[in-house]
N, C-alpha and C. Protein backbone atom coordinates (compact mmCIF):
# COMPACT_ATOMS: atom_id res chain seq x y z
N MET A 1 109.16 99.34 105.75
CA MET A 1 108.22 99.07 104.69
C MET A 1 106.92 98.59 105.32
N TYR A 2 105.81 99.13 104.84
CA TYR A 2 104.50 98.67 105.30
C TYR A 2 103.55 98.59 104.12
N ALA A 3 102.44 97.90 104.35
CA ALA A 3 101.43 97.74 103.31
C ALA A 3 100.05 97.81 103.95
N ILE A 4 99.09 98.22 103.14
CA ILE A 4 97.70 98.17 103.57
C ILE A 4 97.03 97.11 102.72
N ILE A 5 96.49 96.09 103.40
CA ILE A 5 95.87 94.98 102.68
C ILE A 5 94.38 94.94 102.99
N GLU A 6 93.66 94.31 102.09
CA GLU A 6 92.22 94.16 102.27
C GLU A 6 91.92 92.68 102.47
N SER A 7 91.26 92.37 103.58
CA SER A 7 90.89 90.99 103.87
C SER A 7 89.65 90.99 104.74
N CYS A 8 88.75 90.08 104.44
CA CYS A 8 87.52 89.91 105.24
C CYS A 8 86.69 91.18 105.27
N GLY A 9 86.72 91.97 104.22
CA GLY A 9 85.91 93.18 104.15
C GLY A 9 86.47 94.35 104.94
N LYS A 10 87.70 94.23 105.42
CA LYS A 10 88.34 95.30 106.19
C LYS A 10 89.73 95.56 105.64
N GLN A 11 90.29 96.70 105.99
CA GLN A 11 91.66 97.03 105.58
C GLN A 11 92.56 97.05 106.81
N TYR A 12 93.75 96.48 106.65
CA TYR A 12 94.70 96.38 107.74
C TYR A 12 96.05 96.96 107.31
N LYS A 13 96.68 97.72 108.19
CA LYS A 13 98.03 98.22 107.95
C LYS A 13 98.99 97.21 108.58
N VAL A 14 99.88 96.63 107.76
CA VAL A 14 100.78 95.59 108.24
C VAL A 14 102.22 95.90 107.84
N ALA A 15 103.14 95.41 108.63
CA ALA A 15 104.57 95.47 108.34
C ALA A 15 105.15 94.11 108.68
N GLU A 16 106.35 93.83 108.23
CA GLU A 16 106.98 92.55 108.51
C GLU A 16 107.19 92.40 110.01
N GLY A 17 106.81 91.24 110.54
CA GLY A 17 106.97 90.98 111.96
C GLY A 17 105.73 91.32 112.79
N ASP A 18 104.74 91.98 112.21
CA ASP A 18 103.52 92.32 112.94
C ASP A 18 102.67 91.08 113.19
N VAL A 19 101.90 91.13 114.27
CA VAL A 19 100.91 90.09 114.56
C VAL A 19 99.54 90.76 114.45
N VAL A 20 98.70 90.24 113.55
CA VAL A 20 97.42 90.87 113.24
C VAL A 20 96.29 89.87 113.51
N PHE A 21 95.18 90.38 114.04
CA PHE A 21 94.00 89.56 114.29
C PHE A 21 93.01 89.80 113.16
N PHE A 22 92.80 88.78 112.32
CA PHE A 22 91.85 88.84 111.21
C PHE A 22 90.56 88.15 111.62
N GLU A 23 89.50 88.42 110.84
CA GLU A 23 88.29 87.62 111.00
C GLU A 23 88.69 86.18 110.70
N LYS A 24 87.89 85.23 111.12
CA LYS A 24 88.23 83.81 110.97
C LYS A 24 88.60 83.46 109.53
N LEU A 25 89.83 82.96 109.33
CA LEU A 25 90.32 82.53 108.02
C LEU A 25 90.27 81.01 107.95
N ASP A 26 90.10 80.49 106.76
CA ASP A 26 90.04 79.05 106.55
C ASP A 26 91.44 78.53 106.28
N ALA A 27 92.26 78.47 107.33
CA ALA A 27 93.62 77.96 107.23
C ALA A 27 93.99 77.32 108.57
N GLU A 28 94.80 76.28 108.50
CA GLU A 28 95.20 75.58 109.72
C GLU A 28 96.36 76.32 110.38
N GLU A 29 96.52 76.05 111.68
CA GLU A 29 97.62 76.67 112.42
C GLU A 29 98.96 76.20 111.86
N GLY A 30 99.89 77.13 111.72
CA GLY A 30 101.21 76.81 111.21
C GLY A 30 101.33 76.91 109.69
N LYS A 31 100.22 77.04 108.98
CA LYS A 31 100.25 77.12 107.52
C LYS A 31 100.50 78.56 107.07
N LYS A 32 100.99 78.69 105.82
CA LYS A 32 101.22 80.01 105.24
C LYS A 32 99.94 80.55 104.62
N VAL A 33 99.77 81.86 104.71
CA VAL A 33 98.62 82.54 104.13
C VAL A 33 99.16 83.66 103.25
N THR A 34 98.58 83.81 102.04
CA THR A 34 99.01 84.87 101.13
C THR A 34 97.84 85.82 100.90
N PHE A 35 98.11 87.11 101.03
CA PHE A 35 97.11 88.14 100.79
C PHE A 35 97.48 88.86 99.49
N ASP A 36 96.60 88.75 98.48
CA ASP A 36 96.86 89.34 97.17
C ASP A 36 96.28 90.74 97.03
N ASN A 37 95.28 91.06 97.82
CA ASN A 37 94.60 92.35 97.70
C ASN A 37 95.35 93.41 98.49
N VAL A 38 96.41 93.95 97.89
CA VAL A 38 97.24 94.98 98.52
C VAL A 38 96.81 96.32 97.95
N VAL A 39 96.33 97.20 98.82
CA VAL A 39 95.80 98.49 98.40
C VAL A 39 96.93 99.51 98.27
N LEU A 40 97.92 99.45 99.17
CA LEU A 40 99.00 100.43 99.19
C LEU A 40 100.27 99.78 99.71
N VAL A 41 101.40 100.16 99.12
CA VAL A 41 102.70 99.71 99.59
C VAL A 41 103.58 100.93 99.74
N SER A 42 104.22 101.05 100.90
CA SER A 42 105.08 102.19 101.15
C SER A 42 106.47 101.70 101.54
N ASP A 43 107.45 102.13 100.75
CA ASP A 43 108.85 101.89 101.07
C ASP A 43 109.35 103.16 101.74
N ASP A 44 110.59 103.20 102.18
CA ASP A 44 111.11 104.42 102.79
C ASP A 44 111.15 105.57 101.80
N SER A 45 111.32 105.25 100.52
CA SER A 45 111.49 106.31 99.53
C SER A 45 110.24 106.60 98.70
N LYS A 46 109.39 105.59 98.46
CA LYS A 46 108.24 105.83 97.59
C LYS A 46 107.00 105.11 98.08
N VAL A 47 105.85 105.57 97.57
CA VAL A 47 104.56 105.01 97.92
C VAL A 47 103.85 104.60 96.64
N GLU A 48 103.34 103.34 96.60
CA GLU A 48 102.56 102.88 95.46
C GLU A 48 101.12 102.68 95.91
N VAL A 49 100.20 103.32 95.18
CA VAL A 49 98.79 103.19 95.49
C VAL A 49 98.12 102.46 94.34
N GLY A 50 97.32 101.46 94.65
CA GLY A 50 96.67 100.66 93.63
C GLY A 50 95.34 101.25 93.20
N ALA A 51 94.89 100.79 92.05
CA ALA A 51 93.59 101.22 91.53
C ALA A 51 92.84 99.99 91.04
N PRO A 52 92.19 99.21 91.79
CA PRO A 52 92.03 99.25 93.24
C PRO A 52 93.17 98.57 93.99
N TYR A 53 93.94 97.67 93.35
CA TYR A 53 95.01 96.97 94.04
C TYR A 53 96.33 97.18 93.31
N VAL A 54 97.43 97.09 94.06
CA VAL A 54 98.77 97.21 93.48
C VAL A 54 99.11 95.88 92.83
N LYS A 55 99.53 95.92 91.56
CA LYS A 55 99.85 94.70 90.82
C LYS A 55 101.22 94.18 91.22
N GLY A 56 101.32 92.87 91.31
CA GLY A 56 102.61 92.23 91.56
C GLY A 56 103.08 92.27 92.99
N VAL A 57 102.24 92.67 93.93
CA VAL A 57 102.64 92.74 95.34
C VAL A 57 101.79 91.75 96.13
N LYS A 58 102.45 90.99 96.98
CA LYS A 58 101.76 90.04 97.85
C LYS A 58 102.31 90.16 99.26
N VAL A 59 101.46 89.86 100.23
CA VAL A 59 101.87 89.85 101.62
C VAL A 59 101.71 88.42 102.12
N GLU A 60 102.78 87.89 102.71
CA GLU A 60 102.75 86.52 103.21
C GLU A 60 102.75 86.53 104.73
N GLY A 61 102.03 85.58 105.29
CA GLY A 61 101.96 85.46 106.74
C GLY A 61 101.85 84.01 107.15
N LYS A 62 101.97 83.79 108.46
CA LYS A 62 101.88 82.45 109.01
C LYS A 62 100.80 82.47 110.08
N VAL A 63 99.88 81.51 110.02
CA VAL A 63 98.79 81.43 110.99
C VAL A 63 99.37 80.97 112.33
N VAL A 64 99.20 81.80 113.36
CA VAL A 64 99.71 81.46 114.69
C VAL A 64 98.66 80.67 115.46
N SER A 65 97.42 81.18 115.50
CA SER A 65 96.38 80.48 116.24
C SER A 65 95.00 80.97 115.84
N HIS A 66 93.99 80.23 116.27
CA HIS A 66 92.60 80.61 116.12
C HIS A 66 92.03 80.81 117.52
N GLY A 67 91.01 81.65 117.62
CA GLY A 67 90.41 81.86 118.93
C GLY A 67 89.12 82.63 118.83
N LYS A 68 88.61 83.02 119.99
CA LYS A 68 87.41 83.83 120.06
C LYS A 68 87.71 85.09 120.84
N GLY A 69 87.08 86.18 120.43
CA GLY A 69 87.30 87.46 121.07
C GLY A 69 86.55 87.58 122.38
N LYS A 70 86.62 88.77 122.96
CA LYS A 70 85.96 89.06 124.22
C LYS A 70 84.44 89.01 124.03
N LYS A 71 83.73 88.54 125.04
CA LYS A 71 82.28 88.40 124.94
C LYS A 71 81.60 89.77 125.05
N ILE A 72 80.64 89.98 124.14
CA ILE A 72 79.80 91.18 124.23
C ILE A 72 78.37 90.73 124.48
N LEU A 73 77.61 91.54 125.19
CA LEU A 73 76.22 91.22 125.48
C LEU A 73 75.31 92.10 124.65
N VAL A 74 74.32 91.48 124.04
CA VAL A 74 73.31 92.19 123.28
C VAL A 74 72.03 92.08 124.09
N TYR A 75 71.46 93.22 124.48
CA TYR A 75 70.29 93.23 125.34
C TYR A 75 69.18 94.02 124.67
N LYS A 76 68.02 93.39 124.52
CA LYS A 76 66.86 94.06 123.92
C LYS A 76 65.73 94.08 124.95
N TYR A 77 65.00 95.17 124.97
CA TYR A 77 63.82 95.19 125.82
C TYR A 77 62.84 96.22 125.29
N LYS A 78 61.60 96.04 125.70
CA LYS A 78 60.55 97.00 125.38
C LYS A 78 59.95 97.47 126.69
N ALA A 79 59.93 98.75 126.86
CA ALA A 79 59.46 99.34 128.12
C ALA A 79 57.99 99.01 128.36
N LYS A 80 57.69 98.70 129.59
CA LYS A 80 56.32 98.46 130.08
C LYS A 80 55.66 97.23 129.46
N LYS A 81 56.35 96.41 128.73
CA LYS A 81 55.76 95.24 128.08
C LYS A 81 56.34 93.92 128.61
N ASN A 82 57.24 93.99 129.56
CA ASN A 82 57.87 92.81 130.16
C ASN A 82 58.56 91.95 129.10
N TYR A 83 59.22 92.60 128.15
CA TYR A 83 59.95 91.90 127.08
C TYR A 83 61.43 92.19 127.25
N ARG A 84 62.20 91.15 127.54
CA ARG A 84 63.64 91.32 127.71
C ARG A 84 64.35 90.11 127.09
N ARG A 85 65.37 90.36 126.32
CA ARG A 85 66.16 89.29 125.71
C ARG A 85 67.64 89.63 125.86
N THR A 86 68.43 88.68 126.34
CA THR A 86 69.87 88.84 126.47
C THR A 86 70.55 87.79 125.60
N GLN A 87 71.52 88.23 124.84
CA GLN A 87 72.25 87.31 123.97
C GLN A 87 73.73 87.68 124.02
N GLY A 88 74.59 86.67 124.12
CA GLY A 88 76.03 86.91 124.12
C GLY A 88 76.63 86.54 122.77
N HIS A 89 77.78 87.16 122.46
CA HIS A 89 78.46 86.86 121.20
C HIS A 89 79.97 86.96 121.40
N ARG A 90 80.68 85.98 120.85
CA ARG A 90 82.15 86.01 120.83
C ARG A 90 82.59 85.83 119.38
N GLN A 91 83.23 86.85 118.82
CA GLN A 91 83.63 86.83 117.42
C GLN A 91 84.87 85.96 117.24
N PRO A 92 84.83 84.97 116.33
CA PRO A 92 86.03 84.16 116.08
C PRO A 92 87.07 84.96 115.28
N TYR A 93 88.34 84.69 115.57
CA TYR A 93 89.43 85.40 114.88
C TYR A 93 90.55 84.42 114.55
N THR A 94 91.44 84.89 113.68
CA THR A 94 92.66 84.16 113.34
C THR A 94 93.84 85.09 113.59
N LYS A 95 94.79 84.63 114.35
CA LYS A 95 95.98 85.41 114.67
C LYS A 95 97.06 85.06 113.64
N VAL A 96 97.53 86.07 112.88
CA VAL A 96 98.48 85.85 111.79
C VAL A 96 99.72 86.71 112.02
N GLU A 97 100.89 86.10 111.87
CA GLU A 97 102.15 86.84 111.94
C GLU A 97 102.60 87.12 110.50
N ILE A 98 102.82 88.38 110.18
CA ILE A 98 103.24 88.78 108.83
C ILE A 98 104.73 88.48 108.69
N THR A 99 105.07 87.67 107.68
CA THR A 99 106.46 87.27 107.50
C THR A 99 107.17 88.06 106.42
N LYS A 100 106.46 88.38 105.32
CA LYS A 100 107.15 89.05 104.21
C LYS A 100 106.17 89.84 103.36
N ILE A 101 106.65 90.98 102.87
CA ILE A 101 105.93 91.77 101.88
C ILE A 101 106.72 91.66 100.59
N LYS A 102 106.16 90.95 99.59
CA LYS A 102 106.86 90.71 98.33
C LYS A 102 106.42 91.75 97.31
N THR A 103 107.38 92.50 96.77
CA THR A 103 107.08 93.46 95.71
C THR A 103 107.40 92.83 94.37
N ALA A 104 107.05 93.53 93.30
CA ALA A 104 107.28 93.00 91.94
C ALA A 104 108.78 92.85 91.67
N ALA A 105 109.61 93.76 92.18
CA ALA A 105 111.05 93.69 91.95
C ALA A 105 111.64 92.44 92.62
N GLU A 106 111.18 92.12 93.83
CA GLU A 106 111.68 90.94 94.52
C GLU A 106 111.27 89.67 93.79
N LYS A 107 110.06 89.66 93.23
CA LYS A 107 109.60 88.49 92.49
C LYS A 107 110.46 88.27 91.25
N ALA A 108 110.86 89.36 90.58
CA ALA A 108 111.68 89.23 89.38
C ALA A 108 113.04 88.62 89.72
N THR A 109 113.65 89.04 90.83
CA THR A 109 114.95 88.49 91.21
C THR A 109 114.81 87.02 91.61
N GLU A 110 113.70 86.65 92.26
CA GLU A 110 113.48 85.24 92.60
C GLU A 110 113.30 84.39 91.35
N ALA A 111 112.60 84.92 90.36
CA ALA A 111 112.38 84.18 89.11
C ALA A 111 113.70 83.95 88.39
N LYS A 112 114.59 84.96 88.39
CA LYS A 112 115.90 84.80 87.76
C LYS A 112 116.71 83.73 88.47
N ALA A 113 116.66 83.72 89.80
CA ALA A 113 117.41 82.72 90.57
C ALA A 113 116.87 81.32 90.30
N GLU A 114 115.56 81.19 90.15
CA GLU A 114 114.98 79.88 89.87
C GLU A 114 115.37 79.38 88.48
N THR A 115 115.43 80.27 87.49
CA THR A 115 115.81 79.84 86.14
C THR A 115 117.26 79.40 86.11
N LYS A 116 118.11 80.06 86.88
CA LYS A 116 119.52 79.66 86.94
C LYS A 116 119.66 78.26 87.51
N THR A 117 118.93 77.96 88.57
CA THR A 117 119.02 76.63 89.18
C THR A 117 118.40 75.59 88.25
N ALA A 118 117.37 75.97 87.51
CA ALA A 118 116.74 75.02 86.58
C ALA A 118 117.68 74.68 85.43
N THR A 119 118.41 75.66 84.91
CA THR A 119 119.34 75.39 83.81
C THR A 119 120.50 74.53 84.28
N LYS A 120 120.94 74.71 85.52
CA LYS A 120 122.01 73.87 86.05
C LYS A 120 121.54 72.42 86.16
N ALA A 121 120.30 72.22 86.57
CA ALA A 121 119.76 70.86 86.70
C ALA A 121 119.63 70.20 85.33
N GLU A 122 119.26 70.96 84.31
CA GLU A 122 119.11 70.41 82.97
C GLU A 122 120.46 70.11 82.33
N ALA A 123 121.50 70.82 82.74
CA ALA A 123 122.81 70.65 82.15
C ALA A 123 123.47 69.33 82.56
N LYS A 124 123.00 68.70 83.64
CA LYS A 124 123.59 67.44 84.08
C LYS A 124 123.30 66.36 83.04
N PRO A 125 124.29 65.52 82.73
CA PRO A 125 124.06 64.45 81.75
C PRO A 125 123.10 63.40 82.30
N ALA A 126 122.31 62.86 81.42
CA ALA A 126 121.34 61.84 81.81
C ALA A 126 122.07 60.53 82.06
N GLU A 127 121.62 59.82 83.08
CA GLU A 127 122.24 58.53 83.41
C GLU A 127 121.75 57.48 82.42
N LYS A 128 122.69 56.57 82.03
CA LYS A 128 122.32 55.50 81.11
C LYS A 128 121.56 54.44 81.88
N LYS A 129 120.54 53.95 81.23
CA LYS A 129 119.70 52.94 81.85
C LYS A 129 120.09 51.59 81.25
N THR A 130 120.39 50.65 82.11
CA THR A 130 120.73 49.31 81.62
C THR A 130 119.46 48.47 81.56
N ALA A 131 119.34 47.69 80.51
CA ALA A 131 118.15 46.87 80.32
C ALA A 131 118.19 45.67 81.26
N THR A 132 117.05 45.38 81.84
CA THR A 132 116.96 44.21 82.71
C THR A 132 116.73 42.98 81.83
N LYS A 133 116.78 41.81 82.42
CA LYS A 133 116.62 40.57 81.67
C LYS A 133 115.24 40.49 81.03
N LYS A 134 114.20 40.92 81.73
CA LYS A 134 112.85 40.84 81.20
C LYS A 134 112.70 41.77 79.98
N GLU A 135 113.26 42.97 80.05
CA GLU A 135 113.18 43.91 78.93
C GLU A 135 113.96 43.39 77.74
N ALA A 136 115.10 42.76 77.99
CA ALA A 136 115.92 42.23 76.90
C ALA A 136 115.20 41.08 76.20
N VAL A 137 114.48 40.26 76.95
CA VAL A 137 113.75 39.14 76.37
C VAL A 137 112.63 39.65 75.50
N LYS A 138 111.92 40.69 75.94
CA LYS A 138 110.79 41.24 75.17
C LYS A 138 111.25 41.83 73.85
N GLU A 139 112.42 42.39 73.79
CA GLU A 139 112.91 43.03 72.56
C GLU A 139 113.38 41.99 71.63
């Protein structure tokens, strides 16, 4: 299963377990990141294409590290005018490991599991509260 997501003005093809270098994201190392703008999702049997995005699909990842890319040199000059300028640039990036591609069907099964656990918690009888001396005096 793979997905094409849109982030930072670019599109990336990702699959579970991939490590992708994004433009600098505002997230701390070790935190989870969710990408909602999924353009395409492909399973072994079918392909879903969004218009512009596929509804109900999210891609989750974990921020591994932040860093800077390889240095590039920008050099400007004008011939015969003794004008030369050199400037270096290192693009910041965020390294993200893709952990899961959640489809709408998976979300529905998770929601059912959560409601089952919630009903079990509600079914427990409430504990009786005994009044303390101060509360008894006030009444």
